[in-house]
Each structure stands twice: as C-alpha cells, then as structure tokens.
Amino acid sequence: MSDPTENHDDPGDLSRRVAARRKALGLDIEEVAKRAGMHPAYLEYLEHHARARPTPAACARLASALETSVAWLRGAGVGLPPGHARPPTGIPRLLELEPGTCLQLLQAGGVGRAVFVDERGVPTALPVNFRVIDGDIVFRTGEGAIARAVRTGKPLSIEVDHIDEALGEGWSVLASGEAQVTSGSDGLTETGPLNVEPWPSGDRHLVVRLTPRDVTGRQIRRWNEEEG
C-alpha cells in the first residue's frame, strides 16, 4: 500500500524546515550546500525567505543532503492524526497570544470547529468553513445542531488551530460570543462574494454570524539554545 502522504504537495514553512533539519544534523550551510550541489548563498536565501520555492530537482537534492524526503520538506503527514511525529530538537515554549494576534490568525478564514452545548447538554464541536467579515466570524450551515443551539441563545465558540509536527510548533485560538442565524437570499448574498462555501454536500442555506467577545489563544514555539 502506498504512503498517503507521498503525493502531498504543500510547501508549508519550507525555509524553517530546512534550517531546523540542518541544525538537527549538526551541519553548517557550507556543508549542506556542498552535499546538495548548491551555492551557499542560495541555501542561506532558502532558510531566510518563507516564500522561497525551489524547483523539484533542487528539493530532491536538498532532501538527500539533509537525509530526509521531499515529502517531509514540503510538510507531508497531514493525513495522520497529530502526535505521530518524533519531537524535533529545541526547547518548547508555551506562549499566550494577545487578542489582536488571535484575530489576525483568524483573518484569513479556513476550517475551524463550531463549539457549543447541544440539546442533550453534551459539549459538541463540528467542523465549519468560515470567513471573517467586518470583524465577525461567518459560516454556512443547515437545519441541524448548530442552528438549534444558536436559536436557543446558547453560547457559541469557534476554535481554530494549526499544527506543524515537523517543527514541533502550533497555535490554537478560541473566539466566543453572541451568534445570530439568518436564512434566505440576504445572508447568502452577504457571504457569497467571500466564498463562504461549505465543503460537505447538502443544503447549507443558513448563515451564522458570530461576534467575538472573548478571544484567547496559545502558541507553542521551539527555540534552539543558540537563539537564546
């Protein structure tokens, strides 16, 4: 059976992956550049520019020089549950994020979890595709548990996180507040231009709009001793 991560093509934070792997091997830039057949200045550029995108051939040489795979450099492994990777080198630190920083992380939208207590009194978290419109978190849903909870006035939260196992880092943000649910053309017209389009099939004609009142977040970063 083939590895489901092998065809994953998400460069992610390639620059930091390269630097982290090189340091883990105890190699300097000149040695890795020599192994990969690259100019040291180009390798230094890759390590310091998050938007750098080396060619497939360069990635292959670099992966070989760093004794890893192209898939690893490109952030493979998203098909596995978190926690399978061996912790990388460096000292992990847990940081509390300011509300403004949390809101910035949410600004791009994406996939999060709507967190609420259902009619049985059971805490529930369901994935949703969301966008941020005028400071509010907006997503579409159907006539289900989320809509029922919002209509009864129960608190609603959106939890969003990002995990990078290769770097042993990640962040998590929780935004809670008052939510409203609307239906019909008004709600869809408002969110349509920003592509608030749910991934699941089925009728998702309701629009939920959450106004964050309490926003908290935490981040795990790793430092090497030489970074202080």
Foldseek 3Di string as FASTA:
>chain_A
DDDPQPPDAAQQQLLCLLVLLCVLVVHDLVQLCVQLVHDSVVNVVSNPDSPDDDDPSSLQSSCVSSVHHSSVSRQTDPVPDPDPDDAGDFDKDKDKDDQVVLLVVCQVWAKWWKWFQFPVRRIDTDIFTWHADPQKIKAFADPDRVQVCLVVFTKIKIKDKDARRSQRKMKIKIFIAHKDKDFDDVQCVVCVVVPRDTPDDDDRRMMMIGRGDDMIMMIMHGDDPVRD
